Every structure is written in structure tokens, then in C-alpha cells.
Amino acid sequence: MRKKFSLTYLALLVGVVFFASSDIFAQEESTAERKIKSLDMLLVHVFGEPEFSGPNNAGLQLRVSSAGAISLYLLGTVKVEGKTPAAAEQHIRSLLMKDYIRDPHVLVQVKTYREVNVTIMGQVGKPGLISLPGEQRIDILAGIAQAGGFTQLAKTSKIELTRNGKTTLYQLEKLKKETDLKKKIYLQANDLIYVHESAF
């Protein structure tokens, strides 16, 4: 009985990890470019303009403030939070074209993303905090996979997600069957996942 149980558990664990991993790749291909958030570190370069060149002509490293803005020569405070790097480039370019530079060539890149954590507790291999990748979204199953997957005692039909004080119950089988990326439950900063223990 124990051997049969262990093999079943192993198959389940491998399936979850595989499903979560393949889902991450699918999201990379289909998810729109990540938007800039407060505390991200940006690299901003306006080619041919010394004031925007930075050390070694590598551009300016600018931290996005808690208010979602950066400070730039000539322009002052520029709001960039909520924009993709490409949209931020166009925004800065349009501001410069108004009064300062005829045809600026602007590059905006996210050098480092701010760290965003999710707590995963209960019957997982490595309970605790996991860091969400900055450049893509991951869903509940991918998060659990990062936390070591389910333990032998996990009740996979009772996975709780608490967000902003509201708790919602999910089941592994339903999460696995959801193929519409727009309907998947993607993790957000400060989410809490709790996997309950099965009663034998």
C-alpha cells in the first residue's frame, strides 16, 4: 500500500512540475511586455545627447520612485509607472520633441526589477517566500512548483489563495484543465497560498 501511494504521489508531483513549467513558457510567449513599476531600476539613454549618456556612454541608471516617476534633465519629473519600456520610450521622446530635441532616439530598459514576494504555506516541499519573476507572470501551480511541489499529505482539492484579505478555494484538477490564459489565476505581490493536509 505504501509503495503504491508513493508512486501515485511521485506521478502527481512530476505532473504538477511539468504542467507549471510548460505553463511558464506559454505565458512568456503570450503575455504582453511587463509594465514598469515603482522601485524598478531603469536604464534610460538618449543617443547623441551627453546629458543622457551616463558613465561610459552607457545611459542613465534611474530608480523609479514610489510615486512611479523618474527625474530627467530638461524634463524634470516624468511618470513612467504603468507603461511598458516601449511606451516609456515614446512618452519621453514626445516630451523631448516638444521643446528640446528635434528627433531624439530614446532607449528605455528595465535593468533590475523590484523584488515581489508570495508566501506559500502548508503541505508543500519548501514552505515560505518565493520571489515572482519580474519579466513574466506565473500562476498558482507554477508558484507551488517553485515551493517544492505538493507533499504526500497535500489535499490538492483544497488550495487556498488569500489576496487583499479575501480567501478563495481552488482545486488542482480544475486549475490544470484551465487553458485560457486570460482566466488563469496569476500571482500578485503579497498573495498567500495555503495547501491543506489530507485527512486519512
N, C-alpha and C. Protein backbone atom coordinates (compact mmCIF):
# COMPACT_ATOMS: atom_id res chain seq x y z
N MET A 1 0.82 -1.20 0.00
CA MET A 1 0.00 0.00 0.00
C MET A 1 0.86 1.25 0.00
N ARG A 2 1.90 1.30 0.86
CA ARG A 2 2.78 2.45 0.95
C ARG A 2 3.50 2.69 -0.37
N LYS A 3 3.95 1.56 -1.02
CA LYS A 3 4.67 1.70 -2.29
C LYS A 3 3.77 2.26 -3.36
N LYS A 4 2.51 1.76 -3.39
CA LYS A 4 1.57 2.25 -4.38
C LYS A 4 1.29 3.74 -4.16
N PHE A 5 1.13 4.13 -2.90
CA PHE A 5 0.87 5.53 -2.56
C PHE A 5 2.02 6.41 -2.98
N SER A 6 3.24 5.94 -2.72
CA SER A 6 4.42 6.74 -3.05
C SER A 6 4.53 6.96 -4.55
N LEU A 7 4.23 5.91 -5.33
CA LEU A 7 4.30 6.04 -6.78
C LEU A 7 3.24 7.01 -7.29
N THR A 8 2.06 6.94 -6.69
CA THR A 8 0.99 7.87 -7.08
C THR A 8 1.38 9.30 -6.78
N TYR A 9 1.95 9.49 -5.60
CA TYR A 9 2.39 10.84 -5.20
C TYR A 9 3.47 11.36 -6.12
N LEU A 10 4.43 10.47 -6.47
CA LEU A 10 5.52 10.88 -7.35
C LEU A 10 5.00 11.30 -8.71
N ALA A 11 4.05 10.54 -9.24
CA ALA A 11 3.48 10.87 -10.54
C ALA A 11 2.76 12.21 -10.49
N LEU A 12 2.05 12.44 -9.38
CA LEU A 12 1.33 13.69 -9.21
C LEU A 12 2.28 14.86 -9.15
N LEU A 13 3.35 14.71 -8.39
CA LEU A 13 4.33 15.78 -8.22
C LEU A 13 5.00 16.12 -9.54
N VAL A 14 5.41 15.09 -10.27
CA VAL A 14 6.07 15.30 -11.56
C VAL A 14 5.11 15.99 -12.52
N GLY A 15 3.85 15.58 -12.49
CA GLY A 15 2.86 16.18 -13.37
C GLY A 15 2.66 17.65 -13.10
N VAL A 16 2.61 18.01 -11.81
CA VAL A 16 2.43 19.41 -11.44
C VAL A 16 3.61 20.25 -11.89
N VAL A 17 4.84 19.75 -11.63
CA VAL A 17 6.04 20.49 -12.00
C VAL A 17 6.09 20.67 -13.51
N PHE A 18 5.80 19.60 -14.27
CA PHE A 18 5.82 19.69 -15.73
C PHE A 18 4.78 20.66 -16.24
N PHE A 19 3.57 20.54 -15.68
CA PHE A 19 2.49 21.42 -16.11
C PHE A 19 2.83 22.87 -15.83
N ALA A 20 3.35 23.14 -14.62
CA ALA A 20 3.69 24.51 -14.25
C ALA A 20 4.81 25.06 -15.12
N SER A 21 5.82 24.23 -15.38
CA SER A 21 6.95 24.67 -16.19
C SER A 21 6.51 24.99 -17.61
N SER A 22 5.71 24.11 -18.19
CA SER A 22 5.27 24.35 -19.55
C SER A 22 4.37 25.58 -19.61
N ASP A 23 3.63 25.82 -18.53
CA ASP A 23 2.75 26.98 -18.49
C ASP A 23 3.55 28.27 -18.47
N ILE A 24 4.69 28.26 -17.78
CA ILE A 24 5.54 29.45 -17.73
C ILE A 24 6.01 29.82 -19.13
N PHE A 25 6.44 28.80 -19.90
CA PHE A 25 6.90 29.08 -21.27
C PHE A 25 5.76 29.62 -22.12
N ALA A 26 4.56 29.07 -21.93
CA ALA A 26 3.42 29.54 -22.71
C ALA A 26 3.13 31.00 -22.39
N GLN A 27 3.26 31.36 -21.10
CA GLN A 27 3.00 32.73 -20.70
C GLN A 27 4.03 33.67 -21.29
N GLU A 28 5.30 33.23 -21.37
CA GLU A 28 6.35 34.07 -21.93
C GLU A 28 6.02 34.45 -23.36
N GLU A 29 5.41 33.53 -24.09
CA GLU A 29 5.12 33.77 -25.49
C GLU A 29 3.87 34.62 -25.67
N SER A 30 2.91 34.52 -24.71
CA SER A 30 1.63 35.16 -24.93
C SER A 30 1.39 36.39 -24.07
N THR A 31 2.13 36.55 -22.97
CA THR A 31 1.92 37.67 -22.08
C THR A 31 2.58 38.93 -22.63
N ALA A 32 1.84 40.03 -22.57
CA ALA A 32 2.38 41.29 -23.06
C ALA A 32 3.58 41.71 -22.22
N GLU A 33 4.39 42.60 -22.80
CA GLU A 33 5.59 43.08 -22.12
C GLU A 33 5.23 43.65 -20.76
N ARG A 34 6.04 43.33 -19.76
CA ARG A 34 5.75 43.75 -18.39
C ARG A 34 5.82 45.26 -18.27
N LYS A 35 4.90 45.81 -17.50
CA LYS A 35 4.85 47.25 -17.31
C LYS A 35 5.79 47.67 -16.18
N ILE A 36 6.30 48.87 -16.28
CA ILE A 36 7.22 49.41 -15.28
C ILE A 36 6.48 49.66 -13.97
N LYS A 37 7.16 49.33 -12.87
CA LYS A 37 6.56 49.52 -11.54
C LYS A 37 7.49 50.37 -10.68
N SER A 38 6.94 50.91 -9.61
CA SER A 38 7.75 51.70 -8.69
C SER A 38 8.87 50.85 -8.14
N LEU A 39 10.03 51.47 -7.93
CA LEU A 39 11.24 50.86 -7.39
C LEU A 39 12.01 50.01 -8.39
N ASP A 40 11.49 49.86 -9.63
CA ASP A 40 12.30 49.25 -10.68
C ASP A 40 13.51 50.15 -10.97
N MET A 41 14.59 49.55 -11.41
CA MET A 41 15.76 50.33 -11.84
C MET A 41 15.78 50.36 -13.37
N LEU A 42 15.74 51.56 -13.93
CA LEU A 42 15.70 51.70 -15.38
C LEU A 42 17.04 52.17 -15.93
N LEU A 43 17.26 51.84 -17.19
CA LEU A 43 18.38 52.38 -17.95
C LEU A 43 17.78 53.23 -19.06
N VAL A 44 18.06 54.54 -19.01
CA VAL A 44 17.50 55.47 -19.99
C VAL A 44 18.64 56.11 -20.77
N HIS A 45 18.53 56.06 -22.08
CA HIS A 45 19.58 56.58 -22.94
C HIS A 45 18.95 57.35 -24.10
N VAL A 46 19.40 58.59 -24.28
CA VAL A 46 19.03 59.36 -25.47
C VAL A 46 20.31 59.51 -26.29
N PHE A 47 20.39 58.81 -27.38
CA PHE A 47 21.63 58.71 -28.14
C PHE A 47 22.06 60.06 -28.71
N GLY A 48 23.35 60.34 -28.56
CA GLY A 48 23.90 61.58 -29.08
C GLY A 48 23.73 62.77 -28.18
N GLU A 49 23.12 62.58 -27.02
CA GLU A 49 22.91 63.68 -26.07
C GLU A 49 23.73 63.42 -24.81
N PRO A 50 24.82 64.17 -24.58
CA PRO A 50 25.72 63.92 -23.45
C PRO A 50 25.03 63.90 -22.09
N GLU A 51 24.01 64.75 -21.92
CA GLU A 51 23.33 64.81 -20.63
C GLU A 51 22.58 63.52 -20.31
N PHE A 52 22.32 62.71 -21.31
CA PHE A 52 21.58 61.46 -21.12
C PHE A 52 22.48 60.23 -21.32
N SER A 53 23.77 60.46 -21.50
CA SER A 53 24.66 59.35 -21.85
C SER A 53 25.10 58.53 -20.65
N GLY A 54 25.29 59.19 -19.50
CA GLY A 54 25.73 58.48 -18.32
C GLY A 54 27.19 58.07 -18.40
N PRO A 55 27.68 57.36 -17.38
CA PRO A 55 29.07 56.90 -17.36
C PRO A 55 29.37 55.97 -18.53
N ASN A 56 30.49 56.19 -19.19
CA ASN A 56 30.93 55.34 -20.31
C ASN A 56 29.91 55.27 -21.43
N ASN A 57 29.09 56.31 -21.55
CA ASN A 57 28.10 56.37 -22.62
C ASN A 57 27.13 55.18 -22.58
N ALA A 58 26.87 54.69 -21.37
CA ALA A 58 26.01 53.50 -21.21
C ALA A 58 24.59 53.86 -20.80
N GLY A 59 24.27 55.15 -20.71
CA GLY A 59 22.93 55.54 -20.32
C GLY A 59 22.83 55.88 -18.84
N LEU A 60 21.69 56.40 -18.43
CA LEU A 60 21.45 56.79 -17.05
C LEU A 60 20.72 55.68 -16.31
N GLN A 61 21.22 55.33 -15.14
CA GLN A 61 20.52 54.38 -14.28
C GLN A 61 19.63 55.17 -13.33
N LEU A 62 18.33 54.95 -13.43
CA LEU A 62 17.38 55.74 -12.67
C LEU A 62 16.40 54.82 -11.94
N ARG A 63 16.25 55.03 -10.65
CA ARG A 63 15.28 54.26 -9.86
C ARG A 63 13.91 54.92 -9.95
N VAL A 64 12.91 54.13 -10.28
CA VAL A 64 11.54 54.65 -10.31
C VAL A 64 11.10 54.92 -8.87
N SER A 65 10.62 56.11 -8.62
CA SER A 65 10.24 56.49 -7.26
C SER A 65 8.97 55.75 -6.83
N SER A 66 8.67 55.85 -5.54
CA SER A 66 7.45 55.22 -5.02
C SER A 66 6.21 55.84 -5.65
N ALA A 67 6.36 57.06 -6.19
CA ALA A 67 5.26 57.72 -6.89
C ALA A 67 5.19 57.31 -8.36
N GLY A 68 6.14 56.46 -8.79
CA GLY A 68 6.10 55.95 -10.16
C GLY A 68 6.74 56.83 -11.20
N ALA A 69 7.69 57.69 -10.77
CA ALA A 69 8.29 58.64 -11.72
C ALA A 69 9.82 58.60 -11.67
N ILE A 70 10.44 59.13 -12.70
CA ILE A 70 11.89 59.32 -12.73
C ILE A 70 12.16 60.80 -13.00
N SER A 71 13.37 61.23 -12.68
CA SER A 71 13.76 62.63 -12.91
C SER A 71 14.77 62.69 -14.04
N LEU A 72 14.46 63.49 -15.06
CA LEU A 72 15.31 63.59 -16.25
C LEU A 72 15.72 65.04 -16.52
N TYR A 73 16.92 65.19 -17.03
CA TYR A 73 17.43 66.51 -17.45
C TYR A 73 16.47 67.12 -18.47
N LEU A 74 16.22 68.39 -18.33
CA LEU A 74 15.31 69.17 -19.17
C LEU A 74 13.83 68.94 -18.85
N LEU A 75 13.48 67.72 -18.56
CA LEU A 75 12.06 67.37 -18.40
C LEU A 75 11.57 67.39 -16.96
N GLY A 76 12.49 67.22 -16.02
CA GLY A 76 12.06 67.14 -14.62
C GLY A 76 11.44 65.79 -14.32
N THR A 77 10.34 65.78 -13.59
CA THR A 77 9.68 64.53 -13.19
C THR A 77 8.84 63.97 -14.33
N VAL A 78 9.11 62.71 -14.65
CA VAL A 78 8.38 62.05 -15.75
C VAL A 78 7.74 60.77 -15.20
N LYS A 79 6.44 60.67 -15.34
CA LYS A 79 5.70 59.49 -14.88
C LYS A 79 5.91 58.33 -15.85
N VAL A 80 6.40 57.18 -15.32
CA VAL A 80 6.63 56.02 -16.18
C VAL A 80 5.94 54.76 -15.66
N GLU A 81 5.51 54.76 -14.42
CA GLU A 81 4.86 53.57 -13.87
C GLU A 81 3.59 53.25 -14.66
N GLY A 82 3.40 51.96 -14.92
CA GLY A 82 2.23 51.53 -15.68
C GLY A 82 2.45 51.50 -17.18
N LYS A 83 3.61 51.97 -17.62
CA LYS A 83 3.94 51.92 -19.05
C LYS A 83 4.91 50.78 -19.32
N THR A 84 4.85 50.21 -20.49
CA THR A 84 5.88 49.27 -20.90
C THR A 84 7.13 50.07 -21.24
N PRO A 85 8.32 49.46 -21.26
CA PRO A 85 9.52 50.20 -21.68
C PRO A 85 9.34 50.88 -23.03
N ALA A 86 8.69 50.20 -23.96
CA ALA A 86 8.48 50.79 -25.29
C ALA A 86 7.58 52.03 -25.20
N ALA A 87 6.54 51.95 -24.37
CA ALA A 87 5.64 53.10 -24.21
C ALA A 87 6.36 54.25 -23.50
N ALA A 88 7.23 53.92 -22.53
CA ALA A 88 8.01 54.95 -21.84
C ALA A 88 8.95 55.64 -22.81
N GLU A 89 9.55 54.88 -23.73
CA GLU A 89 10.41 55.48 -24.76
C GLU A 89 9.64 56.51 -25.58
N GLN A 90 8.46 56.13 -26.02
CA GLN A 90 7.65 57.04 -26.84
C GLN A 90 7.23 58.28 -26.06
N HIS A 91 6.90 58.07 -24.77
CA HIS A 91 6.48 59.19 -23.91
C HIS A 91 7.62 60.19 -23.73
N ILE A 92 8.80 59.70 -23.40
CA ILE A 92 9.96 60.57 -23.21
C ILE A 92 10.33 61.25 -24.53
N ARG A 93 10.27 60.50 -25.61
CA ARG A 93 10.60 61.06 -26.93
C ARG A 93 9.65 62.22 -27.28
N SER A 94 8.36 62.03 -27.02
CA SER A 94 7.40 63.07 -27.36
C SER A 94 7.61 64.33 -26.51
N LEU A 95 7.98 64.13 -25.23
CA LEU A 95 8.25 65.27 -24.36
C LEU A 95 9.47 66.05 -24.83
N LEU A 96 10.52 65.32 -25.23
CA LEU A 96 11.74 65.97 -25.70
C LEU A 96 11.51 66.71 -27.02
N MET A 97 10.66 66.14 -27.87
CA MET A 97 10.41 66.75 -29.19
C MET A 97 9.62 68.06 -29.10
N LYS A 98 8.91 68.25 -28.00
CA LYS A 98 8.07 69.45 -27.89
C LYS A 98 8.91 70.74 -27.92
N ASP A 99 9.98 70.74 -27.13
CA ASP A 99 10.72 72.00 -26.99
C ASP A 99 12.23 71.86 -27.04
N TYR A 100 12.75 70.62 -27.04
CA TYR A 100 14.19 70.49 -26.80
C TYR A 100 14.98 69.84 -27.93
N ILE A 101 14.58 68.65 -28.40
CA ILE A 101 15.38 67.90 -29.37
C ILE A 101 14.48 67.55 -30.56
N ARG A 102 14.99 67.78 -31.75
CA ARG A 102 14.16 67.60 -32.95
C ARG A 102 13.75 66.14 -33.16
N ASP A 103 14.70 65.23 -33.15
CA ASP A 103 14.39 63.81 -33.44
C ASP A 103 15.18 62.91 -32.49
N PRO A 104 14.80 62.87 -31.21
CA PRO A 104 15.57 62.08 -30.24
C PRO A 104 15.37 60.58 -30.42
N HIS A 105 16.45 59.85 -30.24
CA HIS A 105 16.39 58.38 -30.26
C HIS A 105 16.54 57.89 -28.83
N VAL A 106 15.43 57.40 -28.27
CA VAL A 106 15.35 57.08 -26.84
C VAL A 106 15.32 55.57 -26.65
N LEU A 107 16.07 55.11 -25.64
CA LEU A 107 16.06 53.70 -25.25
C LEU A 107 15.73 53.62 -23.76
N VAL A 108 14.74 52.81 -23.42
CA VAL A 108 14.39 52.57 -22.01
C VAL A 108 14.40 51.07 -21.78
N GLN A 109 15.18 50.64 -20.81
CA GLN A 109 15.24 49.22 -20.44
C GLN A 109 15.08 49.09 -18.93
N VAL A 110 14.51 47.97 -18.50
CA VAL A 110 14.45 47.68 -17.07
C VAL A 110 15.72 46.91 -16.71
N LYS A 111 16.59 47.56 -15.93
CA LYS A 111 17.86 46.93 -15.56
C LYS A 111 17.65 45.89 -14.47
N THR A 112 16.90 46.24 -13.44
CA THR A 112 16.54 45.28 -12.39
C THR A 112 15.11 45.55 -11.96
N TYR A 113 14.38 44.47 -11.75
CA TYR A 113 13.01 44.58 -11.27
C TYR A 113 12.99 44.59 -9.75
N ARG A 114 12.05 45.29 -9.18
CA ARG A 114 11.91 45.24 -7.73
C ARG A 114 11.47 43.83 -7.34
N GLU A 115 11.89 43.39 -6.16
CA GLU A 115 11.56 42.04 -5.72
C GLU A 115 10.14 42.01 -5.19
N VAL A 116 9.36 41.06 -5.68
CA VAL A 116 7.98 40.88 -5.26
C VAL A 116 7.83 39.46 -4.75
N ASN A 117 7.30 39.32 -3.55
CA ASN A 117 7.22 38.00 -2.91
C ASN A 117 5.79 37.51 -2.74
N VAL A 118 5.68 36.18 -2.71
CA VAL A 118 4.43 35.49 -2.40
C VAL A 118 4.74 34.47 -1.31
N THR A 119 3.84 34.30 -0.36
CA THR A 119 4.02 33.31 0.71
C THR A 119 3.25 32.05 0.38
N ILE A 120 3.93 30.89 0.45
CA ILE A 120 3.28 29.61 0.19
C ILE A 120 3.49 28.72 1.41
N MET A 121 2.40 28.32 2.04
CA MET A 121 2.47 27.56 3.29
C MET A 121 1.66 26.27 3.18
N GLY A 122 1.78 25.46 4.23
CA GLY A 122 1.03 24.21 4.26
C GLY A 122 1.82 23.06 3.68
N GLN A 123 1.13 22.17 2.98
CA GLN A 123 1.72 20.93 2.51
C GLN A 123 2.43 21.11 1.15
N VAL A 124 3.54 21.85 1.21
CA VAL A 124 4.42 21.98 0.05
C VAL A 124 5.84 21.64 0.50
N GLY A 125 6.69 21.34 -0.47
CA GLY A 125 8.04 20.87 -0.14
C GLY A 125 8.89 21.89 0.59
N LYS A 126 8.78 23.16 0.20
CA LYS A 126 9.60 24.22 0.81
C LYS A 126 8.71 25.42 1.14
N PRO A 127 8.00 25.35 2.27
CA PRO A 127 7.13 26.46 2.65
C PRO A 127 7.94 27.74 2.87
N GLY A 128 7.30 28.86 2.61
CA GLY A 128 7.96 30.15 2.84
C GLY A 128 7.71 31.10 1.70
N LEU A 129 8.65 32.03 1.53
CA LEU A 129 8.52 33.05 0.49
C LEU A 129 9.12 32.58 -0.83
N ILE A 130 8.47 32.92 -1.93
CA ILE A 130 9.07 32.77 -3.24
C ILE A 130 9.04 34.14 -3.91
N SER A 131 10.00 34.40 -4.77
CA SER A 131 10.06 35.66 -5.50
C SER A 131 9.40 35.49 -6.86
N LEU A 132 8.53 36.43 -7.20
CA LEU A 132 7.92 36.39 -8.52
C LEU A 132 8.88 36.95 -9.55
N PRO A 133 9.02 36.30 -10.69
CA PRO A 133 9.90 36.84 -11.74
C PRO A 133 9.36 38.17 -12.23
N GLY A 134 10.26 39.10 -12.48
CA GLY A 134 9.82 40.43 -12.86
C GLY A 134 9.29 40.53 -14.27
N GLU A 135 9.80 39.68 -15.17
CA GLU A 135 9.51 39.86 -16.59
C GLU A 135 8.31 39.06 -17.07
N GLN A 136 7.67 38.28 -16.20
CA GLN A 136 6.54 37.47 -16.63
C GLN A 136 5.64 37.18 -15.45
N ARG A 137 4.43 36.70 -15.76
CA ARG A 137 3.50 36.31 -14.70
C ARG A 137 3.54 34.80 -14.52
N ILE A 138 3.28 34.34 -13.29
CA ILE A 138 3.15 32.91 -13.06
C ILE A 138 1.85 32.68 -12.30
N ASP A 139 1.28 31.48 -12.47
CA ASP A 139 0.02 31.19 -11.82
C ASP A 139 0.23 30.38 -10.54
N ILE A 140 -0.86 29.94 -9.93
CA ILE A 140 -0.80 29.22 -8.65
C ILE A 140 0.05 27.96 -8.76
N LEU A 141 -0.15 27.17 -9.81
CA LEU A 141 0.57 25.91 -9.93
C LEU A 141 2.07 26.13 -10.11
N ALA A 142 2.43 27.15 -10.87
CA ALA A 142 3.86 27.45 -11.04
C ALA A 142 4.46 27.90 -9.71
N GLY A 143 3.70 28.64 -8.93
CA GLY A 143 4.17 29.07 -7.62
C GLY A 143 4.39 27.90 -6.69
N ILE A 144 3.44 26.96 -6.67
CA ILE A 144 3.58 25.76 -5.84
C ILE A 144 4.77 24.93 -6.28
N ALA A 145 4.99 24.85 -7.59
CA ALA A 145 6.14 24.11 -8.11
C ALA A 145 7.44 24.73 -7.61
N GLN A 146 7.51 26.07 -7.58
CA GLN A 146 8.70 26.75 -7.07
C GLN A 146 8.91 26.49 -5.59
N ALA A 147 7.82 26.22 -4.88
CA ALA A 147 7.91 25.94 -3.45
C ALA A 147 8.12 24.46 -3.17
N GLY A 148 8.54 23.70 -4.16
CA GLY A 148 8.86 22.29 -3.96
C GLY A 148 7.76 21.32 -4.30
N GLY A 149 6.63 21.82 -4.80
CA GLY A 149 5.52 20.93 -5.15
C GLY A 149 4.76 20.46 -3.93
N PHE A 150 3.75 19.63 -4.15
CA PHE A 150 2.92 19.11 -3.07
C PHE A 150 3.66 18.03 -2.28
N THR A 151 3.38 17.94 -1.00
CA THR A 151 3.89 16.83 -0.19
C THR A 151 2.93 15.65 -0.32
N GLN A 152 3.31 14.53 0.29
CA GLN A 152 2.45 13.33 0.26
C GLN A 152 1.13 13.57 0.99
N LEU A 153 1.13 14.51 1.92
CA LEU A 153 -0.07 14.75 2.72
C LEU A 153 -0.96 15.85 2.14
N ALA A 154 -0.58 16.41 1.02
CA ALA A 154 -1.32 17.55 0.47
C ALA A 154 -2.72 17.15 0.03
N LYS A 155 -3.67 17.99 0.35
CA LYS A 155 -5.04 17.82 -0.13
C LYS A 155 -5.19 18.75 -1.33
N THR A 156 -4.96 18.21 -2.51
CA THR A 156 -4.89 19.04 -3.71
C THR A 156 -6.24 19.60 -4.14
N SER A 157 -7.30 19.15 -3.49
CA SER A 157 -8.63 19.70 -3.78
C SER A 157 -8.94 20.89 -2.89
N LYS A 158 -7.99 21.26 -2.04
CA LYS A 158 -8.22 22.38 -1.12
C LYS A 158 -6.98 23.27 -1.08
N ILE A 159 -6.86 24.13 -2.09
CA ILE A 159 -5.76 25.08 -2.20
C ILE A 159 -6.34 26.48 -2.01
N GLU A 160 -5.92 27.15 -0.97
CA GLU A 160 -6.46 28.47 -0.67
C GLU A 160 -5.54 29.58 -1.17
N LEU A 161 -6.13 30.61 -1.75
CA LEU A 161 -5.39 31.81 -2.13
C LEU A 161 -6.02 32.99 -1.41
N THR A 162 -5.22 33.66 -0.58
CA THR A 162 -5.69 34.85 0.13
C THR A 162 -5.05 36.08 -0.49
N ARG A 163 -5.89 37.00 -0.93
CA ARG A 163 -5.42 38.23 -1.58
C ARG A 163 -6.24 39.41 -1.07
N ASN A 164 -5.55 40.39 -0.52
CA ASN A 164 -6.22 41.59 0.00
C ASN A 164 -7.32 41.24 1.00
N GLY A 165 -7.03 40.22 1.84
CA GLY A 165 -7.97 39.84 2.89
C GLY A 165 -9.08 38.91 2.46
N LYS A 166 -9.16 38.58 1.18
CA LYS A 166 -10.20 37.68 0.68
C LYS A 166 -9.60 36.34 0.31
N THR A 167 -10.20 35.25 0.81
CA THR A 167 -9.69 33.90 0.55
C THR A 167 -10.60 33.16 -0.43
N THR A 168 -9.99 32.57 -1.45
CA THR A 168 -10.71 31.80 -2.46
C THR A 168 -10.14 30.39 -2.51
N LEU A 169 -11.01 29.39 -2.66
CA LEU A 169 -10.60 27.99 -2.68
C LEU A 169 -10.50 27.49 -4.12
N TYR A 170 -9.40 26.76 -4.41
CA TYR A 170 -9.18 26.19 -5.74
C TYR A 170 -8.86 24.70 -5.63
N GLN A 171 -9.09 24.00 -6.75
CA GLN A 171 -8.78 22.57 -6.82
C GLN A 171 -7.76 22.32 -7.92
N LEU A 172 -6.83 21.41 -7.64
CA LEU A 172 -5.76 21.12 -8.59
C LEU A 172 -6.30 20.73 -9.96
N GLU A 173 -7.26 19.81 -9.99
CA GLU A 173 -7.75 19.31 -11.27
C GLU A 173 -8.36 20.42 -12.12
N LYS A 174 -9.08 21.35 -11.50
CA LYS A 174 -9.67 22.45 -12.26
C LYS A 174 -8.60 23.42 -12.74
N LEU A 175 -7.59 23.65 -11.91
CA LEU A 175 -6.51 24.55 -12.30
C LEU A 175 -5.74 23.98 -13.49
N LYS A 176 -5.54 22.66 -13.50
CA LYS A 176 -4.80 22.02 -14.58
C LYS A 176 -5.57 22.06 -15.90
N LYS A 177 -6.89 22.04 -15.81
CA LYS A 177 -7.71 21.98 -17.02
C LYS A 177 -7.94 23.36 -17.65
N GLU A 178 -7.62 24.41 -16.91
CA GLU A 178 -7.84 25.77 -17.44
C GLU A 178 -6.76 26.12 -18.46
N THR A 179 -7.17 26.24 -19.72
CA THR A 179 -6.21 26.53 -20.79
C THR A 179 -6.29 27.97 -21.28
N ASP A 180 -7.33 28.68 -20.90
CA ASP A 180 -7.47 30.08 -21.31
C ASP A 180 -6.57 30.93 -20.43
N LEU A 181 -5.52 31.52 -21.02
CA LEU A 181 -4.57 32.31 -20.24
C LEU A 181 -5.22 33.50 -19.55
N LYS A 182 -6.30 34.01 -20.12
CA LYS A 182 -6.98 35.15 -19.52
C LYS A 182 -7.74 34.77 -18.26
N LYS A 183 -8.04 33.48 -18.09
CA LYS A 183 -8.80 33.04 -16.93
C LYS A 183 -7.92 32.41 -15.85
N LYS A 184 -6.65 32.26 -16.14
CA LYS A 184 -5.75 31.68 -15.14
C LYS A 184 -5.58 32.63 -13.95
N ILE A 185 -5.28 32.06 -12.80
CA ILE A 185 -5.11 32.85 -11.58
C ILE A 185 -3.63 33.16 -11.42
N TYR A 186 -3.23 34.36 -11.85
CA TYR A 186 -1.84 34.75 -11.76
C TYR A 186 -1.53 35.35 -10.40
N LEU A 187 -0.35 35.05 -9.88
CA LEU A 187 0.03 35.51 -8.56
C LEU A 187 0.40 36.98 -8.57
N GLN A 188 0.11 37.63 -7.44
CA GLN A 188 0.43 39.04 -7.27
C GLN A 188 1.21 39.22 -5.97
N ALA A 189 1.82 40.39 -5.83
CA ALA A 189 2.61 40.69 -4.64
C ALA A 189 1.77 40.49 -3.38
N ASN A 190 2.38 39.83 -2.39
CA ASN A 190 1.79 39.63 -1.06
C ASN A 190 0.65 38.62 -1.03
N ASP A 191 0.47 37.86 -2.11
CA ASP A 191 -0.50 36.75 -2.06
C ASP A 191 -0.06 35.71 -1.04
N LEU A 192 -1.03 35.00 -0.47
CA LEU A 192 -0.75 33.88 0.43
C LEU A 192 -1.45 32.65 -0.09
N ILE A 193 -0.66 31.60 -0.36
CA ILE A 193 -1.22 30.31 -0.78
C ILE A 193 -1.09 29.34 0.38
N TYR A 194 -2.16 28.64 0.68
CA TYR A 194 -2.11 27.62 1.74
C TYR A 194 -2.68 26.32 1.20
N VAL A 195 -1.86 25.25 1.24
CA VAL A 195 -2.28 23.92 0.79
C VAL A 195 -2.61 23.10 2.03
N HIS A 196 -3.85 22.65 2.10
CA HIS A 196 -4.32 21.92 3.28
C HIS A 196 -3.80 20.49 3.29
N GLU A 197 -3.92 19.87 4.45
CA GLU A 197 -3.47 18.48 4.65
C GLU A 197 -4.66 17.54 4.50
N SER A 198 -4.40 16.41 3.84
CA SER A 198 -5.45 15.40 3.67
C SER A 198 -5.70 14.69 4.99
N ALA A 199 -6.92 14.29 5.19
CA ALA A 199 -7.28 13.53 6.40
C ALA A 199 -7.38 12.06 5.99
N PHE A 200 -6.53 11.20 6.59
CA PHE A 200 -6.54 9.77 6.26
C PHE A 200 -7.27 9.01 7.35
